[in-house]
N, C-alpha and C. Protein backbone atom coordinates (compact mmCIF):
# COMPACT_ATOMS: atom_id res chain seq x y z
N MET A 1 -0.71 -20.20 34.82
CA MET A 1 -0.61 -20.05 33.39
C MET A 1 -1.52 -21.09 32.73
N LYS A 2 -2.19 -20.67 31.66
CA LYS A 2 -3.12 -21.56 30.95
C LYS A 2 -2.50 -21.98 29.62
N LEU A 3 -3.00 -23.06 29.08
CA LEU A 3 -2.61 -23.51 27.75
C LEU A 3 -3.79 -23.32 26.81
N HIS A 4 -3.51 -22.87 25.61
CA HIS A 4 -4.55 -22.72 24.59
C HIS A 4 -4.11 -23.49 23.36
N ARG A 5 -4.94 -24.42 22.91
CA ARG A 5 -4.65 -25.16 21.68
C ARG A 5 -5.32 -24.42 20.53
N VAL A 6 -4.53 -24.03 19.54
CA VAL A 6 -5.00 -23.19 18.44
C VAL A 6 -5.99 -23.95 17.57
N LYS A 7 -7.11 -23.27 17.27
CA LYS A 7 -8.10 -23.80 16.34
C LYS A 7 -7.86 -23.17 14.97
N SER A 8 -8.54 -23.66 13.96
CA SER A 8 -8.27 -23.23 12.58
C SER A 8 -8.48 -21.73 12.37
N ASP A 9 -9.39 -21.11 13.11
CA ASP A 9 -9.66 -19.69 12.88
C ASP A 9 -9.02 -18.79 13.93
N ASP A 10 -8.09 -19.31 14.72
CA ASP A 10 -7.43 -18.52 15.76
C ASP A 10 -6.25 -17.74 15.21
N ASN A 11 -6.00 -16.60 15.83
CA ASN A 11 -4.74 -15.88 15.67
C ASN A 11 -4.47 -15.22 17.02
N LEU A 12 -3.33 -14.60 17.17
CA LEU A 12 -2.99 -14.05 18.48
C LEU A 12 -3.91 -12.92 18.91
N LEU A 13 -4.47 -12.20 17.96
CA LEU A 13 -5.42 -11.14 18.33
C LEU A 13 -6.67 -11.73 18.97
N THR A 14 -7.22 -12.76 18.36
CA THR A 14 -8.44 -13.36 18.90
C THR A 14 -8.17 -14.10 20.21
N ILE A 15 -7.02 -14.73 20.30
CA ILE A 15 -6.67 -15.44 21.53
C ILE A 15 -6.50 -14.45 22.68
N ALA A 16 -5.80 -13.35 22.43
CA ALA A 16 -5.60 -12.33 23.46
C ALA A 16 -6.95 -11.78 23.92
N ALA A 17 -7.83 -11.49 22.99
CA ALA A 17 -9.16 -10.97 23.35
C ALA A 17 -9.94 -11.98 24.17
N GLN A 18 -9.84 -13.25 23.81
CA GLN A 18 -10.56 -14.30 24.53
C GLN A 18 -10.15 -14.37 26.00
N TYR A 19 -8.88 -14.09 26.29
CA TYR A 19 -8.38 -14.17 27.65
C TYR A 19 -8.27 -12.81 28.33
N GLY A 20 -8.80 -11.77 27.70
CA GLY A 20 -8.81 -10.45 28.31
C GLY A 20 -7.44 -9.78 28.37
N ILE A 21 -6.58 -10.11 27.41
CA ILE A 21 -5.25 -9.52 27.35
C ILE A 21 -5.26 -8.48 26.23
N CYS A 22 -4.88 -7.26 26.55
CA CYS A 22 -4.98 -6.15 25.59
C CYS A 22 -3.99 -6.27 24.43
N LYS A 23 -2.78 -6.71 24.71
CA LYS A 23 -1.75 -6.74 23.67
C LYS A 23 -1.33 -8.18 23.39
N TRP A 24 -1.48 -8.60 22.14
CA TRP A 24 -1.09 -9.96 21.77
C TRP A 24 0.40 -10.18 21.99
N GLU A 25 1.20 -9.09 21.95
CA GLU A 25 2.64 -9.20 22.15
C GLU A 25 2.98 -9.74 23.54
N ASP A 26 2.11 -9.46 24.52
CA ASP A 26 2.35 -9.97 25.87
C ASP A 26 2.30 -11.49 25.90
N ILE A 27 1.51 -12.08 25.03
CA ILE A 27 1.45 -13.55 24.93
C ILE A 27 2.63 -14.06 24.12
N TYR A 28 2.80 -13.52 22.92
CA TYR A 28 3.81 -14.02 21.99
C TYR A 28 5.23 -13.89 22.57
N ASN A 29 5.52 -12.79 23.24
CA ASN A 29 6.86 -12.55 23.76
C ASN A 29 7.11 -13.15 25.13
N HIS A 30 6.12 -13.80 25.72
CA HIS A 30 6.31 -14.41 27.03
C HIS A 30 7.35 -15.54 26.91
N GLN A 31 8.18 -15.67 27.94
CA GLN A 31 9.26 -16.66 27.90
C GLN A 31 8.75 -18.09 27.68
N ALA A 32 7.54 -18.40 28.13
CA ALA A 32 7.00 -19.74 27.96
C ALA A 32 6.65 -20.04 26.50
N ASN A 33 6.56 -19.02 25.66
CA ASN A 33 6.24 -19.22 24.24
C ASN A 33 7.47 -19.12 23.34
N LYS A 34 8.64 -19.32 23.92
CA LYS A 34 9.89 -19.25 23.14
C LYS A 34 9.88 -20.27 22.00
N ARG A 35 9.46 -21.46 22.28
CA ARG A 35 9.44 -22.51 21.25
C ARG A 35 8.43 -22.16 20.15
N LEU A 36 7.30 -21.60 20.53
CA LEU A 36 6.30 -21.17 19.54
C LEU A 36 6.91 -20.12 18.61
N ARG A 37 7.66 -19.18 19.15
CA ARG A 37 8.30 -18.14 18.33
C ARG A 37 9.30 -18.75 17.35
N GLU A 38 9.98 -19.83 17.76
CA GLU A 38 10.93 -20.48 16.85
C GLU A 38 10.21 -21.14 15.68
N TYR A 39 9.08 -21.80 15.96
CA TYR A 39 8.31 -22.48 14.91
C TYR A 39 7.44 -21.52 14.10
N ARG A 40 6.99 -20.46 14.73
CA ARG A 40 6.08 -19.52 14.07
C ARG A 40 6.63 -18.10 14.20
N PRO A 41 7.62 -17.75 13.37
CA PRO A 41 8.20 -16.41 13.46
C PRO A 41 7.21 -15.31 13.09
N ASP A 42 6.17 -15.64 12.34
CA ASP A 42 5.11 -14.67 12.06
C ASP A 42 4.00 -14.91 13.07
N PRO A 43 3.81 -14.01 14.03
CA PRO A 43 2.86 -14.26 15.12
C PRO A 43 1.41 -14.35 14.67
N MET A 44 1.11 -13.91 13.46
CA MET A 44 -0.27 -13.98 12.99
C MET A 44 -0.54 -15.23 12.17
N CYS A 45 0.47 -16.06 12.01
CA CYS A 45 0.30 -17.29 11.22
C CYS A 45 0.50 -18.51 12.10
N LEU A 46 -0.45 -18.74 12.97
CA LEU A 46 -0.42 -19.94 13.81
C LEU A 46 -1.07 -21.07 13.05
N LYS A 47 -0.73 -22.29 13.41
CA LYS A 47 -1.31 -23.48 12.78
C LYS A 47 -2.22 -24.18 13.77
N GLU A 48 -3.27 -24.79 13.24
CA GLU A 48 -4.18 -25.56 14.08
C GLU A 48 -3.40 -26.62 14.85
N GLY A 49 -3.63 -26.68 16.15
CA GLY A 49 -2.93 -27.63 16.99
C GLY A 49 -1.75 -27.04 17.74
N ASP A 50 -1.26 -25.87 17.32
CA ASP A 50 -0.20 -25.21 18.06
C ASP A 50 -0.67 -24.97 19.50
N VAL A 51 0.27 -25.00 20.43
CA VAL A 51 -0.06 -24.73 21.83
C VAL A 51 0.55 -23.39 22.21
N VAL A 52 -0.30 -22.53 22.75
CA VAL A 52 0.11 -21.20 23.17
C VAL A 52 -0.06 -21.11 24.68
N TYR A 53 0.98 -20.69 25.37
CA TYR A 53 0.89 -20.47 26.82
C TYR A 53 0.30 -19.09 27.05
N ILE A 54 -0.72 -19.02 27.88
CA ILE A 54 -1.38 -17.76 28.21
C ILE A 54 -0.90 -17.34 29.59
N PRO A 55 -0.17 -16.23 29.66
CA PRO A 55 0.35 -15.81 30.98
C PRO A 55 -0.78 -15.34 31.88
N ASP A 56 -0.57 -15.52 33.17
CA ASP A 56 -1.51 -15.01 34.15
C ASP A 56 -1.46 -13.48 34.12
N THR A 57 -2.60 -12.88 34.27
CA THR A 57 -2.66 -11.41 34.27
C THR A 57 -3.16 -10.93 35.61
N GLU A 58 -2.67 -9.78 35.98
CA GLU A 58 -3.13 -9.14 37.21
C GLU A 58 -4.26 -8.18 36.86
N PRO A 59 -5.39 -8.29 37.51
CA PRO A 59 -6.44 -7.33 37.23
C PRO A 59 -6.02 -5.94 37.66
N MET A 60 -6.42 -4.97 36.89
CA MET A 60 -6.08 -3.59 37.24
C MET A 60 -6.99 -3.14 38.37
N SER A 61 -6.43 -2.41 39.30
CA SER A 61 -7.23 -1.89 40.38
C SER A 61 -6.82 -0.46 40.66
N TYR A 62 -7.78 0.32 41.09
CA TYR A 62 -7.54 1.73 41.38
C TYR A 62 -8.12 2.04 42.74
N GLN A 63 -7.46 2.90 43.47
CA GLN A 63 -8.00 3.43 44.71
C GLN A 63 -8.40 4.86 44.43
N LEU A 64 -9.70 5.09 44.35
CA LEU A 64 -10.22 6.40 43.99
C LEU A 64 -11.16 6.91 45.07
N ALA A 65 -11.19 8.20 45.23
CA ALA A 65 -12.09 8.80 46.22
C ALA A 65 -13.54 8.57 45.79
N THR A 66 -14.40 8.28 46.74
CA THR A 66 -15.79 7.99 46.42
C THR A 66 -16.62 9.25 46.21
N ASP A 67 -16.15 10.38 46.64
CA ASP A 67 -16.96 11.60 46.53
C ASP A 67 -16.53 12.47 45.35
N GLN A 68 -15.83 11.89 44.38
CA GLN A 68 -15.36 12.64 43.21
C GLN A 68 -15.66 11.87 41.94
N LYS A 69 -15.67 12.61 40.81
CA LYS A 69 -15.81 11.98 39.51
C LYS A 69 -14.43 11.61 39.00
N HIS A 70 -14.34 10.47 38.34
CA HIS A 70 -13.06 10.02 37.81
C HIS A 70 -13.26 9.56 36.37
N VAL A 71 -12.28 9.80 35.54
CA VAL A 71 -12.30 9.34 34.15
C VAL A 71 -11.14 8.37 33.97
N ILE A 72 -11.45 7.19 33.50
CA ILE A 72 -10.42 6.19 33.22
C ILE A 72 -10.46 5.93 31.71
N ILE A 73 -9.36 6.13 31.05
CA ILE A 73 -9.28 5.95 29.61
C ILE A 73 -8.57 4.64 29.31
N VAL A 74 -9.21 3.81 28.52
CA VAL A 74 -8.66 2.52 28.12
C VAL A 74 -8.29 2.60 26.65
N GLN A 75 -7.05 2.33 26.34
CA GLN A 75 -6.62 2.34 24.95
C GLN A 75 -6.70 0.94 24.38
N ILE A 76 -7.40 0.82 23.27
CA ILE A 76 -7.55 -0.46 22.59
C ILE A 76 -6.57 -0.48 21.42
N PRO A 77 -5.71 -1.50 21.35
CA PRO A 77 -4.74 -1.53 20.26
C PRO A 77 -5.42 -1.67 18.90
N LYS A 78 -4.84 -1.03 17.91
CA LYS A 78 -5.37 -1.11 16.55
C LYS A 78 -4.69 -2.24 15.80
N THR A 79 -5.38 -2.75 14.81
CA THR A 79 -4.87 -3.84 14.00
C THR A 79 -4.77 -3.39 12.56
N GLU A 80 -3.69 -3.72 11.92
CA GLU A 80 -3.50 -3.39 10.51
C GLU A 80 -3.73 -4.64 9.69
N ILE A 81 -4.44 -4.48 8.57
CA ILE A 81 -4.61 -5.62 7.67
C ILE A 81 -4.08 -5.23 6.29
N ASN A 82 -3.59 -6.21 5.58
CA ASN A 82 -3.13 -6.02 4.20
C ASN A 82 -3.96 -6.92 3.31
N LEU A 83 -4.50 -6.35 2.25
CA LEU A 83 -5.32 -7.10 1.33
C LEU A 83 -4.64 -7.18 -0.03
N LEU A 84 -4.76 -8.30 -0.66
CA LEU A 84 -4.32 -8.47 -2.04
C LEU A 84 -5.58 -8.83 -2.82
N ILE A 85 -6.01 -7.93 -3.68
CA ILE A 85 -7.26 -8.14 -4.42
C ILE A 85 -6.92 -8.48 -5.86
N ARG A 86 -7.51 -9.56 -6.34
CA ARG A 86 -7.26 -10.01 -7.72
C ARG A 86 -8.55 -9.93 -8.52
N PHE A 87 -8.40 -9.67 -9.78
CA PHE A 87 -9.53 -9.64 -10.70
C PHE A 87 -9.45 -10.88 -11.58
N ASN A 88 -10.53 -11.63 -11.63
CA ASN A 88 -10.56 -12.87 -12.42
C ASN A 88 -9.48 -13.86 -11.99
N ASP A 89 -9.18 -13.89 -10.71
CA ASP A 89 -8.19 -14.82 -10.14
C ASP A 89 -6.79 -14.69 -10.73
N GLN A 90 -6.48 -13.58 -11.42
CA GLN A 90 -5.15 -13.45 -12.01
C GLN A 90 -4.53 -12.09 -11.73
N ASP A 91 -5.14 -11.05 -12.26
CA ASP A 91 -4.53 -9.73 -12.22
C ASP A 91 -4.68 -9.09 -10.84
N VAL A 92 -3.58 -8.59 -10.31
CA VAL A 92 -3.61 -7.86 -9.05
C VAL A 92 -4.06 -6.44 -9.34
N LEU A 93 -5.01 -5.95 -8.55
CA LEU A 93 -5.50 -4.58 -8.73
C LEU A 93 -4.64 -3.63 -7.91
N ALA A 94 -3.64 -3.05 -8.53
CA ALA A 94 -2.77 -2.10 -7.84
C ALA A 94 -3.16 -0.68 -8.25
N ASN A 95 -3.07 0.25 -7.29
CA ASN A 95 -3.38 1.66 -7.56
C ASN A 95 -4.77 1.83 -8.17
N THR A 96 -5.71 1.05 -7.73
CA THR A 96 -7.08 1.10 -8.22
C THR A 96 -8.01 1.38 -7.05
N ARG A 97 -8.93 2.30 -7.25
CA ARG A 97 -9.91 2.60 -6.19
C ARG A 97 -10.99 1.53 -6.19
N TYR A 98 -11.38 1.12 -5.02
CA TYR A 98 -12.45 0.14 -4.87
C TYR A 98 -13.10 0.35 -3.51
N ARG A 99 -14.27 -0.18 -3.35
CA ARG A 99 -15.02 -0.04 -2.11
C ARG A 99 -15.31 -1.43 -1.54
N LEU A 100 -15.01 -1.59 -0.26
CA LEU A 100 -15.30 -2.86 0.40
C LEU A 100 -16.63 -2.77 1.11
């Protein structure tokens, strides 16, 4: 198991990607991160200096025939973001169309 010290721009998505782990939940819900869950109930709001235990992962392996074609499908988890857009640093733009 590895230790990762959180930097200012880290979150569990970026940390999981850095260590080749598909689901950030596998890190956050690991028993070694119980204390982290107590201090940081929102898994996307880590603080600089937090220590995250990175569980060891088993590489995936397949035994496939060499004289055949094989298709392996890898599912990449999606991430949802929520934006709060303000106009003139005051008014929230609700139910307004805009382009990012």
